[in-house]
Amino acid sequence: MDERKWTGIIICILIFLGLLIYCGSYWNKKRCHTLAYKDCKVRFHYYYNVDTMDMAYPIANNKLALCLCQAYLKTKDKDISRRIMQIYRAYDVPFGIDSNKYGIHPGIDTIVKYRTKVFDTVILLD
């Protein structure tokens, strides 16, 4: 009788610990990360650590590029234009006829002018 009682207690403790470990790992999966450059900040949620192969990071970079395009329209800063071009080239977003066929990338003014088409985050999700 005493042996059954201890077996039941041990089984209950093991089940409780298993549930605690499972729920604890689930709660810690989603973390908030921030991308920032100059005055632009983009917050995004990511599971575990930042992995650039998943789509959350490129989408956050595109949102940052959209914000930087707005800032570039106000100040025409060289650092902002370099960062926009870096994001544009990092994810190989072909824009225009020449960039697909010949590998010629448009200038910063063209990218800023057509920023909603170039850095559209809905297209990345499709």
N, C-alpha and C. Protein backbone atom coordinates (compact mmCIF):
# COMPACT_ATOMS: atom_id res chain seq x y z
N MET A 1 0.83 -1.19 0.00
CA MET A 1 0.00 0.00 0.00
C MET A 1 0.87 1.25 0.00
N ASP A 2 1.91 1.23 0.84
CA ASP A 2 2.81 2.36 0.95
C ASP A 2 3.61 2.55 -0.36
N GLU A 3 3.91 1.43 -1.01
CA GLU A 3 4.65 1.47 -2.26
C GLU A 3 3.83 2.13 -3.37
N ARG A 4 2.55 1.85 -3.46
CA ARG A 4 1.66 2.46 -4.46
C ARG A 4 1.54 3.97 -4.23
N LYS A 5 1.47 4.36 -2.97
CA LYS A 5 1.35 5.76 -2.64
C LYS A 5 2.57 6.54 -3.14
N TRP A 6 3.77 6.03 -2.89
CA TRP A 6 4.98 6.70 -3.33
C TRP A 6 5.12 6.69 -4.85
N THR A 7 4.68 5.62 -5.49
CA THR A 7 4.70 5.55 -6.94
C THR A 7 3.78 6.61 -7.54
N GLY A 8 2.60 6.78 -6.98
CA GLY A 8 1.67 7.81 -7.44
C GLY A 8 2.22 9.21 -7.25
N ILE A 9 2.87 9.44 -6.12
CA ILE A 9 3.45 10.77 -5.86
C ILE A 9 4.58 11.06 -6.85
N ILE A 10 5.42 10.08 -7.11
CA ILE A 10 6.54 10.27 -8.05
C ILE A 10 6.02 10.52 -9.47
N ILE A 11 4.98 9.78 -9.87
CA ILE A 11 4.40 9.98 -11.21
C ILE A 11 3.80 11.37 -11.32
N CYS A 12 3.10 11.84 -10.30
CA CYS A 12 2.52 13.19 -10.31
C CYS A 12 3.60 14.26 -10.39
N ILE A 13 4.70 14.07 -9.66
CA ILE A 13 5.80 15.03 -9.70
C ILE A 13 6.44 15.07 -11.08
N LEU A 14 6.63 13.90 -11.70
CA LEU A 14 7.22 13.84 -13.04
C LEU A 14 6.31 14.51 -14.08
N ILE A 15 5.00 14.28 -13.97
CA ILE A 15 4.06 14.92 -14.89
C ILE A 15 4.09 16.44 -14.71
N PHE A 16 4.12 16.88 -13.45
CA PHE A 16 4.17 18.32 -13.17
C PHE A 16 5.45 18.95 -13.72
N LEU A 17 6.58 18.29 -13.53
CA LEU A 17 7.85 18.82 -14.04
C LEU A 17 7.86 18.84 -15.58
N GLY A 18 7.29 17.82 -16.20
CA GLY A 18 7.21 17.79 -17.65
C GLY A 18 6.37 18.93 -18.20
N LEU A 19 5.23 19.19 -17.58
CA LEU A 19 4.39 20.30 -17.99
C LEU A 19 5.08 21.64 -17.77
N LEU A 20 5.79 21.76 -16.68
CA LEU A 20 6.50 23.00 -16.37
C LEU A 20 7.59 23.28 -17.40
N ILE A 21 8.33 22.26 -17.78
CA ILE A 21 9.38 22.42 -18.79
C ILE A 21 8.78 22.75 -20.15
N TYR A 22 7.70 22.08 -20.51
CA TYR A 22 7.05 22.32 -21.80
C TYR A 22 6.51 23.75 -21.87
N CYS A 23 5.78 24.18 -20.86
CA CYS A 23 5.20 25.52 -20.86
C CYS A 23 6.28 26.60 -20.76
N GLY A 24 7.33 26.33 -20.02
CA GLY A 24 8.42 27.30 -19.89
C GLY A 24 9.13 27.53 -21.21
N SER A 25 9.33 26.48 -21.98
CA SER A 25 9.99 26.64 -23.28
C SER A 25 9.06 27.34 -24.26
N TYR A 26 7.76 27.16 -24.14
CA TYR A 26 6.81 27.83 -25.02
C TYR A 26 6.77 29.32 -24.73
N TRP A 27 6.80 29.71 -23.48
CA TRP A 27 6.71 31.13 -23.12
C TRP A 27 7.96 31.90 -23.54
N ASN A 28 9.09 31.25 -23.59
CA ASN A 28 10.33 31.95 -23.91
C ASN A 28 10.66 31.95 -25.39
N LYS A 29 9.83 31.39 -26.24
CA LYS A 29 10.14 31.34 -27.66
C LYS A 29 10.15 32.71 -28.32
N LYS A 30 9.11 33.49 -28.07
CA LYS A 30 8.93 34.73 -28.79
C LYS A 30 9.62 35.87 -28.05
N ARG A 31 10.56 36.51 -28.74
CA ARG A 31 11.29 37.62 -28.14
C ARG A 31 11.20 38.83 -29.06
N CYS A 32 11.31 39.98 -28.48
CA CYS A 32 11.23 41.21 -29.24
C CYS A 32 12.63 41.71 -29.56
N HIS A 33 12.86 42.02 -30.82
CA HIS A 33 14.14 42.55 -31.26
C HIS A 33 13.91 43.92 -31.90
N THR A 34 14.95 44.70 -31.97
CA THR A 34 14.85 46.05 -32.53
C THR A 34 15.96 46.27 -33.54
N LEU A 35 15.57 46.78 -34.70
CA LEU A 35 16.53 47.26 -35.69
C LEU A 35 16.46 48.78 -35.66
N ALA A 36 17.60 49.43 -35.61
CA ALA A 36 17.60 50.89 -35.55
C ALA A 36 18.76 51.45 -36.36
N TYR A 37 18.50 52.58 -36.97
CA TYR A 37 19.53 53.33 -37.67
C TYR A 37 19.11 54.79 -37.68
N LYS A 38 19.96 55.63 -37.19
CA LYS A 38 19.67 57.06 -37.03
C LYS A 38 18.38 57.23 -36.23
N ASP A 39 17.37 57.88 -36.81
CA ASP A 39 16.11 58.14 -36.08
C ASP A 39 15.06 57.06 -36.30
N CYS A 40 15.33 56.06 -37.10
CA CYS A 40 14.35 55.03 -37.43
C CYS A 40 14.55 53.79 -36.55
N LYS A 41 13.45 53.31 -36.00
CA LYS A 41 13.47 52.08 -35.20
C LYS A 41 12.34 51.17 -35.66
N VAL A 42 12.66 49.90 -35.76
CA VAL A 42 11.65 48.89 -36.11
C VAL A 42 11.75 47.78 -35.08
N ARG A 43 10.63 47.51 -34.44
CA ARG A 43 10.56 46.40 -33.48
C ARG A 43 9.86 45.22 -34.15
N PHE A 44 10.40 44.02 -33.94
CA PHE A 44 9.77 42.83 -34.50
C PHE A 44 9.95 41.68 -33.53
N HIS A 45 9.03 40.75 -33.60
CA HIS A 45 9.05 39.58 -32.73
C HIS A 45 9.66 38.43 -33.49
N TYR A 46 10.48 37.68 -32.77
CA TYR A 46 11.20 36.60 -33.40
C TYR A 46 11.27 35.43 -32.44
N TYR A 47 11.20 34.23 -32.94
CA TYR A 47 11.29 33.04 -32.11
C TYR A 47 12.75 32.66 -31.94
N TYR A 48 13.14 32.40 -30.70
CA TYR A 48 14.52 32.06 -30.33
C TYR A 48 15.47 33.20 -30.70
N ASN A 49 16.49 32.94 -31.48
CA ASN A 49 17.47 33.96 -31.84
C ASN A 49 17.22 34.45 -33.26
N VAL A 50 17.83 35.56 -33.60
CA VAL A 50 17.65 36.12 -34.94
C VAL A 50 18.38 35.24 -35.94
N ASP A 51 17.63 34.75 -36.90
CA ASP A 51 18.17 33.94 -37.98
C ASP A 51 17.80 34.65 -39.28
N THR A 52 18.77 35.04 -40.05
CA THR A 52 18.49 35.84 -41.24
C THR A 52 17.81 35.04 -42.35
N MET A 53 17.71 33.73 -42.22
CA MET A 53 17.05 32.93 -43.25
C MET A 53 15.53 32.96 -43.11
N ASP A 54 15.03 33.30 -41.95
CA ASP A 54 13.59 33.38 -41.76
C ASP A 54 13.10 34.71 -42.32
N MET A 55 11.80 34.84 -42.54
CA MET A 55 11.27 36.04 -43.18
C MET A 55 11.06 37.21 -42.24
N ALA A 56 11.10 37.03 -40.94
CA ALA A 56 10.88 38.14 -40.02
C ALA A 56 11.99 39.18 -40.12
N TYR A 57 13.20 38.76 -40.30
CA TYR A 57 14.32 39.69 -40.37
C TYR A 57 14.32 40.51 -41.66
N PRO A 58 14.13 39.92 -42.85
CA PRO A 58 14.05 40.74 -44.06
C PRO A 58 12.86 41.70 -44.06
N ILE A 59 11.73 41.27 -43.50
CA ILE A 59 10.57 42.16 -43.44
C ILE A 59 10.87 43.35 -42.53
N ALA A 60 11.53 43.10 -41.41
CA ALA A 60 11.91 44.19 -40.52
C ALA A 60 12.91 45.13 -41.19
N ASN A 61 13.84 44.58 -41.97
CA ASN A 61 14.78 45.41 -42.71
C ASN A 61 14.08 46.26 -43.75
N ASN A 62 13.06 45.71 -44.42
CA ASN A 62 12.32 46.49 -45.40
C ASN A 62 11.53 47.62 -44.73
N LYS A 63 10.97 47.34 -43.57
CA LYS A 63 10.28 48.41 -42.83
C LYS A 63 11.27 49.50 -42.42
N LEU A 64 12.47 49.10 -42.02
CA LEU A 64 13.50 50.07 -41.69
C LEU A 64 13.88 50.89 -42.91
N ALA A 65 13.98 50.23 -44.07
CA ALA A 65 14.32 50.94 -45.30
C ALA A 65 13.23 51.94 -45.69
N LEU A 66 11.97 51.58 -45.47
CA LEU A 66 10.88 52.53 -45.74
C LEU A 66 10.99 53.76 -44.86
N CYS A 67 11.29 53.55 -43.59
CA CYS A 67 11.48 54.67 -42.67
C CYS A 67 12.69 55.51 -43.08
N LEU A 68 13.76 54.85 -43.49
CA LEU A 68 14.95 55.58 -43.92
C LEU A 68 14.70 56.37 -45.20
N CYS A 69 13.85 55.86 -46.08
CA CYS A 69 13.50 56.61 -47.29
C CYS A 69 12.78 57.91 -46.93
N GLN A 70 11.89 57.84 -45.95
CA GLN A 70 11.21 59.05 -45.48
C GLN A 70 12.22 60.04 -44.90
N ALA A 71 13.18 59.53 -44.15
CA ALA A 71 14.22 60.40 -43.57
C ALA A 71 15.12 60.97 -44.65
N TYR A 72 15.39 60.18 -45.69
CA TYR A 72 16.24 60.65 -46.79
C TYR A 72 15.57 61.76 -47.57
N LEU A 73 14.26 61.69 -47.71
CA LEU A 73 13.55 62.75 -48.41
C LEU A 73 13.68 64.09 -47.68
N LYS A 74 13.82 64.04 -46.37
CA LYS A 74 13.93 65.27 -45.57
C LYS A 74 15.36 65.83 -45.58
N THR A 75 16.37 64.94 -45.48
CA THR A 75 17.73 65.44 -45.24
C THR A 75 18.74 65.16 -46.35
N LYS A 76 18.52 64.21 -47.23
CA LYS A 76 19.46 63.80 -48.29
C LYS A 76 20.85 63.47 -47.71
N ASP A 77 20.86 62.70 -46.64
CA ASP A 77 22.08 62.33 -45.95
C ASP A 77 22.74 61.14 -46.66
N LYS A 78 24.08 61.20 -46.81
CA LYS A 78 24.82 60.12 -47.48
C LYS A 78 24.80 58.82 -46.69
N ASP A 79 24.87 58.91 -45.36
CA ASP A 79 24.85 57.69 -44.53
C ASP A 79 23.52 56.96 -44.68
N ILE A 80 22.45 57.71 -44.72
CA ILE A 80 21.12 57.10 -44.89
C ILE A 80 21.03 56.45 -46.27
N SER A 81 21.54 57.12 -47.29
CA SER A 81 21.46 56.54 -48.64
C SER A 81 22.29 55.26 -48.74
N ARG A 82 23.44 55.23 -48.07
CA ARG A 82 24.25 54.00 -48.07
C ARG A 82 23.53 52.85 -47.40
N ARG A 83 22.87 53.14 -46.29
CA ARG A 83 22.13 52.09 -45.57
C ARG A 83 20.95 51.58 -46.41
N ILE A 84 20.26 52.49 -47.09
CA ILE A 84 19.15 52.07 -47.95
C ILE A 84 19.67 51.17 -49.07
N MET A 85 20.76 51.55 -49.68
CA MET A 85 21.33 50.72 -50.77
C MET A 85 21.85 49.39 -50.23
N GLN A 86 22.37 49.39 -49.02
CA GLN A 86 22.84 48.15 -48.41
C GLN A 86 21.68 47.19 -48.20
N ILE A 87 20.56 47.69 -47.71
CA ILE A 87 19.38 46.83 -47.52
C ILE A 87 18.85 46.38 -48.87
N TYR A 88 18.84 47.29 -49.84
CA TYR A 88 18.35 46.95 -51.19
C TYR A 88 19.18 45.83 -51.81
N ARG A 89 20.47 45.90 -51.69
CA ARG A 89 21.34 44.89 -52.30
C ARG A 89 21.44 43.60 -51.48
N ALA A 90 21.20 43.69 -50.18
CA ALA A 90 21.35 42.51 -49.33
C ALA A 90 20.33 41.43 -49.65
N TYR A 91 19.12 41.83 -50.00
CA TYR A 91 18.07 40.85 -50.25
C TYR A 91 17.77 40.68 -51.72
N ASP A 92 18.63 41.26 -52.57
CA ASP A 92 18.54 41.07 -54.02
C ASP A 92 17.12 41.29 -54.52
N VAL A 93 16.62 42.49 -54.27
CA VAL A 93 15.27 42.85 -54.71
C VAL A 93 15.39 43.45 -56.09
N PRO A 94 15.08 42.70 -57.15
CA PRO A 94 15.20 43.28 -58.48
C PRO A 94 14.08 44.28 -58.73
N PHE A 95 14.44 45.46 -59.18
CA PHE A 95 13.45 46.49 -59.47
C PHE A 95 13.76 47.08 -60.83
N GLY A 96 12.83 46.97 -61.73
CA GLY A 96 13.03 47.51 -63.07
C GLY A 96 13.54 46.44 -64.02
N ILE A 97 13.50 46.76 -65.29
CA ILE A 97 13.89 45.81 -66.33
C ILE A 97 15.39 45.54 -66.29
N ASP A 98 16.19 46.58 -66.11
CA ASP A 98 17.65 46.42 -66.16
C ASP A 98 18.19 45.57 -65.03
N SER A 99 17.61 45.67 -63.85
CA SER A 99 18.18 44.94 -62.72
C SER A 99 17.97 43.45 -62.84
N ASN A 100 16.93 43.01 -63.53
CA ASN A 100 16.72 41.57 -63.73
C ASN A 100 17.66 41.01 -64.79
N LYS A 101 17.81 41.73 -65.88
CA LYS A 101 18.53 41.19 -67.03
C LYS A 101 20.03 41.44 -66.97
N TYR A 102 20.41 42.64 -66.60
CA TYR A 102 21.82 43.02 -66.71
C TYR A 102 22.52 43.17 -65.36
N GLY A 103 21.79 43.11 -64.27
CA GLY A 103 22.41 43.28 -62.97
C GLY A 103 22.73 44.73 -62.64
N ILE A 104 22.11 45.67 -63.35
CA ILE A 104 22.33 47.10 -63.11
C ILE A 104 21.30 47.56 -62.09
N HIS A 105 21.76 48.09 -60.97
CA HIS A 105 20.86 48.55 -59.93
C HIS A 105 20.53 50.02 -60.13
N PRO A 106 19.31 50.41 -59.84
CA PRO A 106 18.95 51.83 -59.97
C PRO A 106 19.61 52.66 -58.88
N GLY A 107 19.60 53.96 -59.07
CA GLY A 107 20.20 54.87 -58.10
C GLY A 107 19.30 55.07 -56.89
N ILE A 108 19.84 55.79 -55.92
CA ILE A 108 19.12 56.00 -54.67
C ILE A 108 17.85 56.81 -54.89
N ASP A 109 17.89 57.77 -55.81
CA ASP A 109 16.70 58.59 -56.04
C ASP A 109 15.56 57.78 -56.63
N THR A 110 15.88 56.84 -57.49
CA THR A 110 14.85 55.97 -58.07
C THR A 110 14.27 55.04 -57.00
N ILE A 111 15.12 54.52 -56.16
CA ILE A 111 14.65 53.63 -55.10
C ILE A 111 13.75 54.38 -54.12
N VAL A 112 14.14 55.60 -53.76
CA VAL A 112 13.33 56.39 -52.83
C VAL A 112 12.00 56.78 -53.48
N LYS A 113 12.03 57.08 -54.78
CA LYS A 113 10.81 57.46 -55.47
C LYS A 113 9.81 56.30 -55.49
N TYR A 114 10.29 55.09 -55.75
CA TYR A 114 9.42 53.91 -55.82
C TYR A 114 9.57 53.03 -54.58
N ARG A 115 9.74 53.64 -53.44
CA ARG A 115 10.02 52.90 -52.19
C ARG A 115 8.91 51.94 -51.80
N THR A 116 7.65 52.28 -52.09
CA THR A 116 6.56 51.37 -51.70
C THR A 116 6.57 50.10 -52.54
N LYS A 117 7.04 50.18 -53.78
CA LYS A 117 7.13 48.98 -54.62
C LYS A 117 8.39 48.18 -54.31
N VAL A 118 9.47 48.87 -54.04
CA VAL A 118 10.75 48.20 -53.82
C VAL A 118 10.77 47.47 -52.47
N PHE A 119 10.31 48.14 -51.42
CA PHE A 119 10.39 47.58 -50.07
C PHE A 119 9.02 47.16 -49.54
N ASP A 120 8.18 46.64 -50.41
CA ASP A 120 6.84 46.21 -49.98
C ASP A 120 6.94 44.92 -49.17
N THR A 121 6.44 44.96 -47.95
CA THR A 121 6.55 43.78 -47.08
C THR A 121 5.48 42.75 -47.37
N VAL A 122 4.38 43.13 -48.01
CA VAL A 122 3.33 42.16 -48.33
C VAL A 122 3.80 41.20 -49.42
N ILE A 123 4.58 41.68 -50.35
CA ILE A 123 5.11 40.82 -51.41
C ILE A 123 6.01 39.75 -50.82
N LEU A 124 6.80 40.10 -49.79
CA LEU A 124 7.69 39.12 -49.17
C LEU A 124 6.91 38.00 -48.51
N LEU A 125 5.73 38.31 -47.97
CA LEU A 125 4.93 37.28 -47.31
C LEU A 125 4.24 36.35 -48.30
N ASP A 126 3.94 36.85 -49.49
CA ASP A 126 3.27 36.02 -50.51
C ASP A 126 4.27 35.04 -51.04
